[in-house]
Amino acid sequence: MPRYIVDGFVFHVNITKGRNPRMIYLRCLEYKRLGCHARAVIPYDGSVQDIKVNKPHNHPPDHTAEEKIVFLRELKEVTLKNPSVPSRTIYTTLSEVYPTAAREIPFDSIRHKMTRWKRS
């Protein structure tokens, strides 16, 4: 799912209407967890600079969001390419590259997800 990061706030695509859509409607990633009702729109062929936030957030920005997203993407990619390597080894190696994300996403919280990735 595409994600957009604007000033430390993460949005994901909520809906794209029509056969030839003109706008992409975004919702805050913290909608379910924190009940944040922040919304934004972006022209279908626009860039991050074109995003217009329509409703404010009810939480502070997460300035490590981008690093966490990249860290999780890398974890998944390396885990899928090397299913025989222990999950802890993969996590430890990547945590040296992304130390801030690793502090916020400890191994015990991602271990089960890494196991599921290996099975798929």
PDB file of N, CA and C in Angstrom:
ATOM      1  N   MET A   1       0.848  -1.170   0.000  1.00  0.00           N
ATOM      2  CA  MET A   1       0.000   0.000   0.000  1.00  0.00           C
ATOM      3  C   MET A   1       0.898   1.239   0.000  1.00  0.00           C
ATOM      4  N   PRO A   2       0.696   2.150  -0.953  1.00  0.00           N
ATOM      5  CA  PRO A   2       1.530   3.354  -0.983  1.00  0.00           C
ATOM      6  C   PRO A   2       1.329   4.199   0.277  1.00  0.00           C
ATOM      7  N   ARG A   3       2.407   4.740   0.751  1.00  0.00           N
ATOM      8  CA  ARG A   3       2.351   5.618   1.924  1.00  0.00           C
ATOM      9  C   ARG A   3       3.020   6.934   1.588  1.00  0.00           C
ATOM     10  N   TYR A   4       2.486   7.986   2.146  1.00  0.00           N
ATOM     11  CA  TYR A   4       3.014   9.328   1.949  1.00  0.00           C
ATOM     12  C   TYR A   4       3.360   9.900   3.311  1.00  0.00           C
ATOM     13  N   ILE A   5       4.531  10.494   3.426  1.00  0.00           N
ATOM     14  CA  ILE A   5       4.962  11.088   4.690  1.00  0.00           C
ATOM     15  C   ILE A   5       5.035  12.588   4.498  1.00  0.00           C
ATOM     16  N   VAL A   6       4.281  13.320   5.327  1.00  0.00           N
ATOM     17  CA  VAL A   6       4.224  14.767   5.246  1.00  0.00           C
ATOM     18  C   VAL A   6       4.503  15.329   6.638  1.00  0.00           C
ATOM     19  N   ASP A   7       5.629  15.993   6.794  1.00  0.00           N
ATOM     20  CA  ASP A   7       6.003  16.623   8.072  1.00  0.00           C
ATOM     21  C   ASP A   7       5.944  15.654   9.248  1.00  0.00           C
ATOM     22  N   GLY A   8       6.357  14.415   9.037  1.00  0.00           N
ATOM     23  CA  GLY A   8       6.379  13.433  10.115  1.00  0.00           C
ATOM     24  C   GLY A   8       5.079  12.681  10.307  1.00  0.00           C
ATOM     25  N   PHE A   9       4.059  12.984   9.505  1.00  0.00           N
ATOM     26  CA  PHE A   9       2.783  12.283   9.582  1.00  0.00           C
ATOM     27  C   PHE A   9       2.678  11.340   8.389  1.00  0.00           C
ATOM     28  N   VAL A  10       2.230  10.114   8.638  1.00  0.00           N
ATOM     29  CA  VAL A  10       2.144   9.104   7.584  1.00  0.00           C
ATOM     30  C   VAL A  10       0.683   8.959   7.158  1.00  0.00           C
ATOM     31  N   PHE A  11       0.462   9.039   5.845  1.00  0.00           N
ATOM     32  CA  PHE A  11      -0.858   8.830   5.255  1.00  0.00           C
ATOM     33  C   PHE A  11      -0.807   7.605   4.359  1.00  0.00           C
ATOM     34  N   HIS A  12      -1.928   6.927   4.232  1.00  0.00           N
ATOM     35  CA  HIS A  12      -2.032   5.841   3.256  1.00  0.00           C
ATOM     36  C   HIS A  12      -3.249   6.105   2.386  1.00  0.00           C
ATOM     37  N   VAL A  13      -3.290   5.459   1.226  1.00  0.00           N
ATOM     38  CA  VAL A  13      -4.388   5.666   0.291  1.00  0.00           C
ATOM     39  C   VAL A  13      -5.658   5.070   0.881  1.00  0.00           C
ATOM     40  N   ASN A  14      -6.660   5.898   0.993  1.00  0.00           N
ATOM     41  CA  ASN A  14      -7.945   5.460   1.505  1.00  0.00           C
ATOM     42  C   ASN A  14      -8.860   5.064   0.353  1.00  0.00           C
ATOM     43  N   ILE A  15      -8.911   5.895  -0.688  1.00  0.00           N
ATOM     44  CA  ILE A  15      -9.796   5.609  -1.806  1.00  0.00           C
ATOM     45  C   ILE A  15      -9.353   6.398  -3.034  1.00  0.00           C
ATOM     46  N   THR A  16      -9.575   5.802  -4.181  1.00  0.00           N
ATOM     47  CA  THR A  16      -9.375   6.473  -5.462  1.00  0.00           C
ATOM     48  C   THR A  16     -10.665   6.249  -6.233  1.00  0.00           C
ATOM     49  N   LYS A  17     -11.343   7.335  -6.595  1.00  0.00           N
ATOM     50  CA  LYS A  17     -12.667   7.210  -7.211  1.00  0.00           C
ATOM     51  C   LYS A  17     -12.604   7.283  -8.725  1.00  0.00           C
ATOM     52  N   GLY A  18     -13.489   6.529  -9.362  1.00  0.00           N
ATOM     53  CA  GLY A  18     -13.706   6.640 -10.793  1.00  0.00           C
ATOM     54  C   GLY A  18     -12.760   5.853 -11.668  1.00  0.00           C
ATOM     55  N   ARG A  19     -13.147   5.737 -12.926  1.00  0.00           N
ATOM     56  CA  ARG A  19     -12.337   5.018 -13.899  1.00  0.00           C
ATOM     57  C   ARG A  19     -11.090   5.814 -14.244  1.00  0.00           C
ATOM     58  N   ASN A  20     -11.236   7.108 -14.422  1.00  0.00           N
ATOM     59  CA  ASN A  20     -10.104   8.006 -14.668  1.00  0.00           C
ATOM     60  C   ASN A  20     -10.000   8.956 -13.477  1.00  0.00           C
ATOM     61  N   PRO A  21      -9.424   8.491 -12.382  1.00  0.00           N
ATOM     62  CA  PRO A  21      -9.421   9.303 -11.153  1.00  0.00           C
ATOM     63  C   PRO A  21      -8.601  10.587 -11.300  1.00  0.00           C
ATOM     64  N   ARG A  22      -9.090  11.626 -10.650  1.00  0.00           N
ATOM     65  CA  ARG A  22      -8.373  12.904 -10.638  1.00  0.00           C
ATOM     66  C   ARG A  22      -7.671  13.129  -9.304  1.00  0.00           C
ATOM     67  N   MET A  23      -8.259  12.567  -8.257  1.00  0.00           N
ATOM     68  CA  MET A  23      -7.717  12.774  -6.920  1.00  0.00           C
ATOM     69  C   MET A  23      -7.553  11.432  -6.205  1.00  0.00           C
ATOM     70  N   ILE A  24      -6.562  11.391  -5.306  1.00  0.00           N
ATOM     71  CA  ILE A  24      -6.363  10.248  -4.419  1.00  0.00           C
ATOM     72  C   ILE A  24      -6.650  10.758  -3.009  1.00  0.00           C
ATOM     73  N   TYR A  25      -7.509  10.068  -2.303  1.00  0.00           N
ATOM     74  CA  TYR A  25      -7.884  10.474  -0.960  1.00  0.00           C
ATOM     75  C   TYR A  25      -7.063   9.673   0.043  1.00  0.00           C
ATOM     76  N   LEU A  26      -6.453  10.391   0.978  1.00  0.00           N
ATOM     77  CA  LEU A  26      -5.541   9.782   1.946  1.00  0.00           C
ATOM     78  C   LEU A  26      -6.125   9.848   3.346  1.00  0.00           C
ATOM     79  N   ARG A  27      -5.711   8.899   4.186  1.00  0.00           N
ATOM     80  CA  ARG A  27      -6.126   8.878   5.590  1.00  0.00           C
ATOM     81  C   ARG A  27      -4.892   8.664   6.443  1.00  0.00           C
ATOM     82  N   CYS A  28      -4.892   9.223   7.631  1.00  0.00           N
ATOM     83  CA  CYS A  28      -3.773   9.073   8.562  1.00  0.00           C
ATOM     84  C   CYS A  28      -3.583   7.599   8.909  1.00  0.00           C
ATOM     85  N   LEU A  29      -2.350   7.175   8.972  1.00  0.00           N
ATOM     86  CA  LEU A  29      -2.029   5.793   9.312  1.00  0.00           C
ATOM     87  C   LEU A  29      -2.480   5.449  10.733  1.00  0.00           C
ATOM     88  N   GLU A  30      -2.618   6.452  11.589  1.00  0.00           N
ATOM     89  CA  GLU A  30      -3.008   6.230  12.989  1.00  0.00           C
ATOM     90  C   GLU A  30      -4.524   6.283  13.195  1.00  0.00           C
ATOM     91  N   TYR A  31      -5.272   6.112  12.121  1.00  0.00           N
ATOM     92  CA  TYR A  31      -6.734   6.172  12.212  1.00  0.00           C
ATOM     93  C   TYR A  31      -7.285   5.149  13.207  1.00  0.00           C
ATOM     94  N   LYS A  32      -6.878   3.905  13.074  1.00  0.00           N
ATOM     95  CA  LYS A  32      -7.407   2.863  13.958  1.00  0.00           C
ATOM     96  C   LYS A  32      -6.772   2.900  15.340  1.00  0.00           C
ATOM     97  N   ARG A  33      -5.458   3.036  15.383  1.00  0.00           N
ATOM     98  CA  ARG A  33      -4.748   2.953  16.669  1.00  0.00           C
ATOM     99  C   ARG A  33      -5.051   4.138  17.577  1.00  0.00           C
ATOM    100  N   LEU A  34      -5.064   5.350  17.019  1.00  0.00           N
ATOM    101  CA  LEU A  34      -5.254   6.548  17.839  1.00  0.00           C
ATOM    102  C   LEU A  34      -6.557   7.285  17.544  1.00  0.00           C
ATOM    103  N   GLY A  35      -7.315   6.797  16.583  1.00  0.00           N
ATOM    104  CA  GLY A  35      -8.562   7.469  16.225  1.00  0.00           C
ATOM    105  C   GLY A  35      -8.336   8.802  15.542  1.00  0.00           C
ATOM    106  N   CYS A  36      -7.230   8.952  14.840  1.00  0.00           N
ATOM    107  CA  CYS A  36      -6.926  10.204  14.162  1.00  0.00           C
ATOM    108  C   CYS A  36      -7.759  10.314  12.886  1.00  0.00           C
ATOM    109  N   HIS A  37      -8.464  11.413  12.742  1.00  0.00           N
ATOM    110  CA  HIS A  37      -9.335  11.625  11.587  1.00  0.00           C
ATOM    111  C   HIS A  37      -8.718  12.550  10.544  1.00  0.00           C
ATOM    112  N   ALA A  38      -7.412  12.708  10.584  1.00  0.00           N
ATOM    113  CA  ALA A  38      -6.741  13.559   9.597  1.00  0.00           C
ATOM    114  C   ALA A  38      -6.926  12.970   8.201  1.00  0.00           C
ATOM    115  N   ARG A  39      -7.217  13.854   7.253  1.00  0.00           N
ATOM    116  CA  ARG A  39      -7.421  13.457   5.862  1.00  0.00           C
ATOM    117  C   ARG A  39      -6.603  14.383   4.971  1.00  0.00           C
ATOM    118  N   ALA A  40      -6.310  13.882   3.785  1.00  0.00           N
ATOM    119  CA  ALA A  40      -5.581  14.687   2.815  1.00  0.00           C
ATOM    120  C   ALA A  40      -5.961  14.233   1.413  1.00  0.00           C
ATOM    121  N   VAL A  41      -5.673  15.063   0.443  1.00  0.00           N
ATOM    122  CA  VAL A  41      -5.890  14.706  -0.958  1.00  0.00           C
ATOM    123  C   VAL A  41      -4.636  15.039  -1.743  1.00  0.00           C
ATOM    124  N   ILE A  42      -4.463  14.306  -2.837  1.00  0.00           N
ATOM    125  CA  ILE A  42      -3.336  14.539  -3.721  1.00  0.00           C
ATOM    126  C   ILE A  42      -3.845  14.305  -5.152  1.00  0.00           C
ATOM    127  N   PRO A  43      -3.495  15.174  -6.096  1.00  0.00           N
ATOM    128  CA  PRO A  43      -3.883  14.908  -7.480  1.00  0.00           C
ATOM    129  C   PRO A  43      -3.333  13.555  -7.923  1.00  0.00           C
ATOM    130  N   TYR A  44      -4.077  12.855  -8.763  1.00  0.00           N
ATOM    131  CA  TYR A  44      -3.695  11.511  -9.181  1.00  0.00           C
ATOM    132  C   TYR A  44      -2.281  11.461  -9.748  1.00  0.00           C
ATOM    133  N   ASP A  45      -1.899  12.459 -10.486  1.00  0.00           N
ATOM    134  CA  ASP A  45      -0.559  12.492 -11.074  1.00  0.00           C
ATOM    135  C   ASP A  45       0.374  13.443 -10.321  1.00  0.00           C
ATOM    136  N   GLY A  46       0.005  13.777  -9.082  1.00  0.00           N
ATOM    137  CA  GLY A  46       0.786  14.722  -8.282  1.00  0.00           C
ATOM    138  C   GLY A  46       1.899  14.069  -7.490  1.00  0.00           C
ATOM    139  N   SER A  47       2.648  14.919  -6.795  1.00  0.00           N
ATOM    140  CA  SER A  47       3.748  14.453  -5.951  1.00  0.00           C
ATOM    141  C   SER A  47       3.439  14.801  -4.498  1.00  0.00           C
ATOM    142  N   VAL A  48       4.339  14.442  -3.611  1.00  0.00           N
ATOM    143  CA  VAL A  48       4.151  14.696  -2.180  1.00  0.00           C
ATOM    144  C   VAL A  48       3.972  16.193  -1.915  1.00  0.00           C
ATOM    145  N   GLN A  49       4.617  17.022  -2.708  1.00  0.00           N
ATOM    146  CA  GLN A  49       4.504  18.477  -2.516  1.00  0.00           C
ATOM    147  C   GLN A  49       3.083  18.982  -2.804  1.00  0.00           C
ATOM    148  N   ASP A  50       2.293  18.206  -3.537  1.00  0.00           N
ATOM    149  CA  ASP A  50       0.930  18.615  -3.898  1.00  0.00           C
ATOM    150  C   ASP A  50      -0.126  18.185  -2.888  1.00  0.00           C
ATOM    151  N   ILE A  51       0.264  17.488  -1.832  1.00  0.00           N
ATOM    152  CA  ILE A  51      -0.697  17.008  -0.842  1.00  0.00           C
ATOM    153  C   ILE A  51      -1.278  18.186  -0.071  1.00  0.00           C
ATOM    154  N   LYS A  52      -2.601  18.148   0.087  1.00  0.00           N
ATOM    155  CA  LYS A  52      -3.302  19.162   0.884  1.00  0.00           C
ATOM    156  C   LYS A  52      -4.001  18.450   2.035  1.00  0.00           C
ATOM    157  N   VAL A  53      -3.639  18.819   3.249  1.00  0.00           N
ATOM    158  CA  VAL A  53      -4.231  18.212   4.448  1.00  0.00           C
ATOM    159  C   VAL A  53      -5.532  18.943   4.748  1.00  0.00           C
ATOM    160  N   ASN A  54      -6.634  18.176   4.850  1.00  0.00           N
ATOM    161  CA  ASN A  54      -7.962  18.767   5.062  1.00  0.00           C
ATOM    162  C   ASN A  54      -8.379  18.805   6.523  1.00  0.00           C
ATOM    163  N   LYS A  55      -7.944  17.821   7.293  1.00  0.00           N
ATOM    164  CA  LYS A  55      -8.284  17.758   8.715  1.00  0.00           C
ATOM    165  C   LYS A  55      -6.993  17.588   9.498  1.00  0.00           C
ATOM    166  N   PRO A  56      -6.884  18.229  10.664  1.00  0.00           N
ATOM    167  CA  PRO A  56      -5.643  18.130  11.449  1.00  0.00           C
ATOM    168  C   PRO A  56      -5.530  16.803  12.192  1.00  0.00           C
ATOM    169  N   HIS A  57      -4.316  16.498  12.609  1.00  0.00           N
ATOM    170  CA  HIS A  57      -4.027  15.285  13.372  1.00  0.00           C
ATOM    171  C   HIS A  57      -4.313  15.519  14.856  1.00  0.00           C
ATOM    172  N   ASN A  58      -4.563  14.443  15.580  1.00  0.00           N
ATOM    173  CA  ASN A  58      -4.783  14.536  17.026  1.00  0.00           C
ATOM    174  C   ASN A  58      -3.587  13.965  17.796  1.00  0.00           C
ATOM    175  N   HIS A  59      -2.426  13.876  17.133  1.00  0.00           N
ATOM    176  CA  HIS A  59      -1.232  13.296  17.751  1.00  0.00           C
ATOM    177  C   HIS A  59      -0.003  14.021  17.199  1.00  0.00           C
ATOM    178  N   PRO A  60       1.119  13.916  17.894  1.00  0.00           N
ATOM    179  CA  PRO A  60       2.336  14.577  17.395  1.00  0.00           C
ATOM    180  C   PRO A  60       2.925  13.816  16.205  1.00  0.00           C
ATOM    181  N   PRO A  61       3.756  14.476  15.413  1.00  0.00           N
ATOM    182  CA  PRO A  61       4.384  13.803  14.273  1.00  0.00           C
ATOM    183  C   PRO A  61       5.394  12.751  14.729  1.00  0.00           C
ATOM    184  N   ASP A  62       5.619  11.776  13.879  1.00  0.00           N
ATOM    185  CA  ASP A  62       6.601  10.728  14.121  1.00  0.00           C
ATOM    186  C   ASP A  62       7.740  10.955  13.138  1.00  0.00           C
ATOM    187  N   HIS A  63       8.799  11.609  13.593  1.00  0.00           N
ATOM    188  CA  HIS A  63       9.896  11.964  12.700  1.00  0.00           C
ATOM    189  C   HIS A  63      10.771  10.782  12.311  1.00  0.00           C
ATOM    190  N   THR A  64      10.523   9.620  12.898  1.00  0.00           N
ATOM    191  CA  THR A  64      11.269   8.414  12.513  1.00  0.00           C
ATOM    192  C   THR A  64      10.440   7.512  11.602  1.00  0.00           C
ATOM    193  N   ALA A  65       9.281   7.978  11.187  1.00  0.00           N
ATOM    194  CA  ALA A  65       8.360   7.154  10.396  1.00  0.00           C
ATOM    195  C   ALA A  65       8.998   6.639   9.118  1.00  0.00           C
ATOM    196  N   GLU A  66       9.690   7.498   8.406  1.00  0.00           N
ATOM    197  CA  GLU A  66      10.278   7.073   7.133  1.00  0.00           C
ATOM    198  C   GLU A  66      11.324   5.988   7.349  1.00  0.00           C
ATOM    199  N   GLU A  67      12.171   6.163   8.361  1.00  0.00           N
ATOM    200  CA  GLU A  67      13.193   5.143   8.635  1.00  0.00           C
ATOM    201  C   GLU A  67      12.551   3.822   9.036  1.00  0.00           C
ATOM    202  N   LYS A  68      11.467   3.877   9.807  1.00  0.00           N
ATOM    203  CA  LYS A  68      10.786   2.645  10.219  1.00  0.00           C
ATOM    204  C   LYS A  68      10.175   1.923   9.025  1.00  0.00           C
ATOM    205  N   ILE A  69       9.593   2.671   8.109  1.00  0.00           N
ATOM    206  CA  ILE A  69       8.997   2.056   6.917  1.00  0.00           C
ATOM    207  C   ILE A  69      10.070   1.384   6.072  1.00  0.00           C
ATOM    208  N   VAL A  70      11.194   2.070   5.879  1.00  0.00           N
ATOM    209  CA  VAL A  70      12.293   1.506   5.092  1.00  0.00           C
ATOM    210  C   VAL A  70      12.879   0.286   5.803  1.00  0.00           C
ATOM    211  N   PHE A  71      13.045   0.369   7.111  1.00  0.00           N
ATOM    212  CA  PHE A  71      13.570  -0.747   7.907  1.00  0.00           C
ATOM    213  C   PHE A  71      12.690  -1.988   7.746  1.00  0.00           C
ATOM    214  N   LEU A  72      11.377  -1.822   7.871  1.00  0.00           N
ATOM    215  CA  LEU A  72      10.459  -2.952   7.729  1.00  0.00           C
ATOM    216  C   LEU A  72      10.483  -3.515   6.306  1.00  0.00           C
ATOM    217  N   ARG A  73      10.562  -2.647   5.322  1.00  0.00           N
ATOM    218  CA  ARG A  73      10.626  -3.098   3.930  1.00  0.00           C
ATOM    219  C   ARG A  73      11.890  -3.915   3.691  1.00  0.00           C
ATOM    220  N   GLU A  74      13.015  -3.419   4.214  1.00  0.00           N
ATOM    221  CA  GLU A  74      14.291  -4.136   4.066  1.00  0.00           C
ATOM    222  C   GLU A  74      14.260  -5.472   4.808  1.00  0.00           C
ATOM    223  N   LEU A  75      13.695  -5.477   6.015  1.00  0.00           N
ATOM    224  CA  LEU A  75      13.585  -6.728   6.773  1.00  0.00           C
ATOM    225  C   LEU A  75      12.831  -7.772   5.966  1.00  0.00           C
ATOM    226  N   LYS A  76      11.713  -7.377   5.391  1.00  0.00           N
ATOM    227  CA  LYS A  76      10.907  -8.313   4.620  1.00  0.00           C
ATOM    228  C   LYS A  76      11.663  -8.804   3.394  1.00  0.00           C
ATOM    229  N   GLU A  77      12.283  -7.881   2.682  1.00  0.00           N
ATOM    230  CA  GLU A  77      13.011  -8.245   1.462  1.00  0.00           C
ATOM    231  C   GLU A  77      14.149  -9.219   1.749  1.00  0.00           C
ATOM    232  N   VAL A  78      14.955  -8.928   2.761  1.00  0.00           N
ATOM    233  CA  VAL A  78      16.089  -9.792   3.099  1.00  0.00           C
ATOM    234  C   VAL A  78      15.601 -11.139   3.636  1.00  0.00           C
ATOM    235  N   THR A  79      14.533 -11.118   4.424  1.00  0.00           N
ATOM    236  CA  THR A  79      13.986 -12.362   4.973  1.00  0.00           C
ATOM    237  C   THR A  79      13.476 -13.271   3.854  1.00  0.00           C
ATOM    238  N   LEU A  80      12.788 -12.693   2.878  1.00  0.00           N
ATOM    239  CA  LEU A  80      12.272 -13.498   1.762  1.00  0.00           C
ATOM    240  C   LEU A  80      13.392 -14.049   0.887  1.00  0.00           C
ATOM    241  N   LYS A  81      14.461 -13.276   0.715  1.00  0.00           N
ATOM    242  CA  LYS A  81      15.579 -13.725  -0.127  1.00  0.00           C
ATOM    243  C   LYS A  81      16.460 -14.750   0.572  1.00  0.00           C
ATOM    244  N   ASN A  82      16.473 -14.738   1.911  1.00  0.00           N
ATOM    245  CA  ASN A  82      17.353 -15.624   2.680  1.00  0.00           C
ATOM    246  C   ASN A  82      16.570 -16.378   3.756  1.00  0.00           C
ATOM    247  N   PRO A  83      15.660 -17.258   3.376  1.00  0.00           N
ATOM    248  CA  PRO A  83      14.825 -17.928   4.388  1.00  0.00           C
ATOM    249  C   PRO A  83      15.596 -18.839   5.338  1.00  0.00           C
ATOM    250  N   SER A  84      16.802 -19.252   4.957  1.00  0.00           N
ATOM    251  CA  SER A  84      17.562 -20.145   5.829  1.00  0.00           C
ATOM    252  C   SER A  84      18.367 -19.386   6.893  1.00  0.00           C
ATOM    253  N   VAL A  85      18.504 -18.083   6.738  1.00  0.00           N
ATOM    254  CA  VAL A  85      19.243 -17.277   7.722  1.00  0.00           C
ATOM    255  C   VAL A  85      18.316 -17.006   8.907  1.00  0.00           C
ATOM    256  N   PRO A  86      18.793 -17.171  10.130  1.00  0.00           N
ATOM    257  CA  PRO A  86      17.954 -16.917  11.307  1.00  0.00           C
ATOM    258  C   PRO A  86      17.428 -15.478  11.332  1.00  0.00           C
ATOM    259  N   SER A  87      16.201 -15.323  11.755  1.00  0.00           N
ATOM    260  CA  SER A  87      15.569 -14.004  11.809  1.00  0.00           C
ATOM    261  C   SER A  87      16.357 -13.031  12.671  1.00  0.00           C
ATOM    262  N   ARG A  88      16.868 -13.522  13.786  1.00  0.00           N
ATOM    263  CA  ARG A  88      17.635 -12.649  14.695  1.00  0.00           C
ATOM    264  C   ARG A  88      18.872 -12.088  13.985  1.00  0.00           C
ATOM    265  N   THR A  89      19.535 -12.897  13.170  1.00  0.00           N
ATOM    266  CA  THR A  89      20.723 -12.453  12.441  1.00  0.00           C
ATOM    267  C   THR A  89      20.366 -11.355  11.447  1.00  0.00           C
ATOM    268  N   ILE A  90      19.283 -11.556  10.714  1.00  0.00           N
ATOM    269  CA  ILE A  90      18.833 -10.541   9.751  1.00  0.00           C
ATOM    270  C   ILE A  90      18.501  -9.250  10.476  1.00  0.00           C
ATOM    271  N   TYR A  91      17.747  -9.365  11.562  1.00  0.00           N
ATOM    272  CA  TYR A  91      17.344  -8.192  12.334  1.00  0.00           C
ATOM    273  C   TYR A  91      18.570  -7.448  12.866  1.00  0.00           C
ATOM    274  N   THR A  92      19.514  -8.160  13.447  1.00  0.00           N
ATOM    275  CA  THR A  92      20.705  -7.544  14.022  1.00  0.00           C
ATOM    276  C   THR A  92      21.515  -6.815  12.958  1.00  0.00           C
ATOM    277  N   THR A  93      21.665  -7.421  11.798  1.00  0.00           N
ATOM    278  CA  THR A  93      22.432  -6.811  10.715  1.00  0.00           C
ATOM    279  C   THR A  93      21.778  -5.512  10.256  1.00  0.00           C
ATOM    280  N   LEU A  94      20.475  -5.553  10.036  1.00  0.00           N
ATOM    281  CA  LEU A  94      19.785  -4.356   9.570  1.00  0.00           C
ATOM    282  C   LEU A  94      19.616  -3.301  10.653  1.00  0.00           C
ATOM    283  N   SER A  95      19.594  -3.721  11.904  1.00  0.00           N
ATOM    284  CA  SER A  95      19.463  -2.742  12.985  1.00  0.00           C
ATOM    285  C   SER A  95      20.704  -1.854  13.096  1.00  0.00           C
ATOM    286  N   GLU A  96      21.839  -2.340  12.583  1.00  0.00           N
ATOM    287  CA  GLU A  96      23.042  -1.500  12.563  1.00  0.00           C
ATOM    288  C   GLU A  96      22.926  -0.414  11.499  1.00  0.00           C
ATOM    289  N   VAL A  97      22.182  -0.692  10.435  1.00  0.00           N
ATOM    290  CA  VAL A  97      21.970   0.290   9.375  1.00  0.00           C
ATOM    291  C   VAL A  97      20.872   1.277   9.762  1.00  0.00           C
ATOM    292  N   TYR A  98      19.857   0.800  10.468  1.00  0.00           N
ATOM    293  CA  TYR A  98      18.712   1.619  10.871  1.00  0.00           C
ATOM    294  C   TYR A  98      18.544   1.581  12.393  1.00  0.00           C
ATOM    295  N   PRO A  99      19.462   2.195  13.136  1.00  0.00           N
ATOM    296  CA  PRO A  99      19.420   2.073  14.601  1.00  0.00           C
ATOM    297  C   PRO A  99      18.198   2.720  15.251  1.00  0.00           C
ATOM    298  N   THR A 100      17.745   3.846  14.730  1.00  0.00           N
ATOM    299  CA  THR A 100      16.582   4.518  15.321  1.00  0.00           C
ATOM    300  C   THR A 100      15.336   3.667  15.158  1.00  0.00           C
ATOM    301  N   ALA A 101      15.143   3.126  13.976  1.00  0.00           N
ATOM    302  CA  ALA A 101      13.982   2.268  13.727  1.00  0.00           C
ATOM    303  C   ALA A 101      14.051   1.005  14.579  1.00  0.00           C
ATOM    304  N   ALA A 102      15.237   0.443  14.718  1.00  0.00           N
ATOM    305  CA  ALA A 102      15.393  -0.774  15.515  1.00  0.00           C
ATOM    306  C   ALA A 102      15.055  -0.531  16.990  1.00  0.00           C
ATOM    307  N   ARG A 103      15.369   0.665  17.492  1.00  0.00           N
ATOM    308  CA  ARG A 103      14.999   0.988  18.879  1.00  0.00           C
ATOM    309  C   ARG A 103      13.484   1.038  19.043  1.00  0.00           C
ATOM    310  N   GLU A 104      12.790   1.512  18.018  1.00  0.00           N
ATOM    311  CA  GLU A 104      11.336   1.640  18.109  1.00  0.00           C
ATOM    312  C   GLU A 104      10.602   0.360  17.722  1.00  0.00           C
ATOM    313  N   ILE A 105      11.265  -0.521  16.963  1.00  0.00           N
ATOM    314  CA  ILE A 105      10.671  -1.798  16.570  1.00  0.00           C
ATOM    315  C   ILE A 105      11.594  -2.907  17.076  1.00  0.00           C
ATOM    316  N   PRO A 106      11.437  -3.325  18.325  1.00  0.00           N
ATOM    317  CA  PRO A 106      12.315  -4.364  18.870  1.00  0.00           C
ATOM    318  C   PRO A 106      12.076  -5.715  18.196  1.00  0.00           C
ATOM    319  N   PHE A 107      13.083  -6.564  18.263  1.00  0.00           N
ATOM    320  CA  PHE A 107      13.017  -7.875  17.616  1.00  0.00           C
ATOM    321  C   PHE A 107      11.809  -8.680  18.071  1.00  0.00           C
ATOM    322  N   ASP A 108      11.521  -8.669  19.364  1.00  0.00           N
ATOM    323  CA  ASP A 108      10.399  -9.467  19.875  1.00  0.00           C
ATOM    324  C   ASP A 108       9.060  -9.054  19.270  1.00  0.00           C
ATOM    325  N   SER A 109       8.931  -7.803  18.831  1.00  0.00           N
ATOM    326  CA  SER A 109       7.666  -7.361  18.253  1.00  0.00           C
ATOM    327  C   SER A 109       7.548  -7.701  16.765  1.00  0.00           C
ATOM    328  N   ILE A 110       8.647  -8.029  16.112  1.00  0.00           N
ATOM    329  CA  ILE A 110       8.641  -8.308  14.678  1.00  0.00           C
ATOM    330  C   ILE A 110       8.963  -9.769  14.368  1.00  0.00           C
ATOM    331  N   ARG A 111       9.398 -10.518  15.362  1.00  0.00           N
ATOM    332  CA  ARG A 111       9.839 -11.912  15.175  1.00  0.00           C
ATOM    333  C   ARG A 111       8.785 -12.781  14.495  1.00  0.00           C
ATOM    334  N   HIS A 112       7.535 -12.708  14.955  1.00  0.00           N
ATOM    335  CA  HIS A 112       6.476 -13.551  14.398  1.00  0.00           C
ATOM    336  C   HIS A 112       6.173 -13.173  12.947  1.00  0.00           C
ATOM    337  N   LYS A 113       6.215 -11.889  12.658  1.00  0.00           N
ATOM    338  CA  LYS A 113       5.971 -11.436  11.290  1.00  0.00           C
ATOM    339  C   LYS A 113       7.064 -11.955  10.358  1.00  0.00           C
ATOM    340  N   MET A 114       8.299 -11.936  10.819  1.00  0.00           N
ATOM    341  CA  MET A 114       9.407 -12.438  10.004  1.00  0.00           C
ATOM    342  C   MET A 114       9.227 -13.938   9.737  1.00  0.00           C
ATOM    343  N   THR A 115       8.733 -14.674  10.713  1.00  0.00           N
ATOM    344  CA  THR A 115       8.476 -16.103  10.542  1.00  0.00           C
ATOM    345  C   THR A 115       7.403 -16.320   9.474  1.00  0.00           C
ATOM    346  N   ARG A 116       6.344 -15.507   9.500  1.00  0.00           N
ATOM    347  CA  ARG A 116       5.298 -15.619   8.473  1.00  0.00           C
ATOM    348  C   ARG A 116       5.848 -15.307   7.092  1.00  0.00           C
ATOM    349  N   TRP A 117       6.719 -14.310   6.991  1.00  0.00           N
ATOM    350  CA  TRP A 117       7.323 -13.973   5.695  1.00  0.00           C
ATOM    351  C   TRP A 117       8.107 -15.170   5.147  1.00  0.00           C
ATOM    352  N   LYS A 118       8.803 -15.863   6.026  1.00  0.00           N
ATOM    353  CA  LYS A 118       9.594 -17.025   5.578  1.00  0.00           C
ATOM    354  C   LYS A 118       8.697 -18.128   5.048  1.00  0.00           C
ATOM    355  N   ARG A 119       7.542 -18.304   5.630  1.00  0.00           N
ATOM    356  CA  ARG A 119       6.629 -19.368   5.209  1.00  0.00           C
ATOM    357  C   ARG A 119       5.986 -19.080   3.854  1.00  0.00           C
ATOM    358  N   SER A 120       5.847 -17.807   3.529  1.00  0.00           N
ATOM    359  CA  SER A 120       5.135 -17.468   2.276  1.00  0.00           C
ATOM    360  C   SER A 120       6.006 -17.634   1.043  1.00  0.00           C
TER     361      SER A 120
END
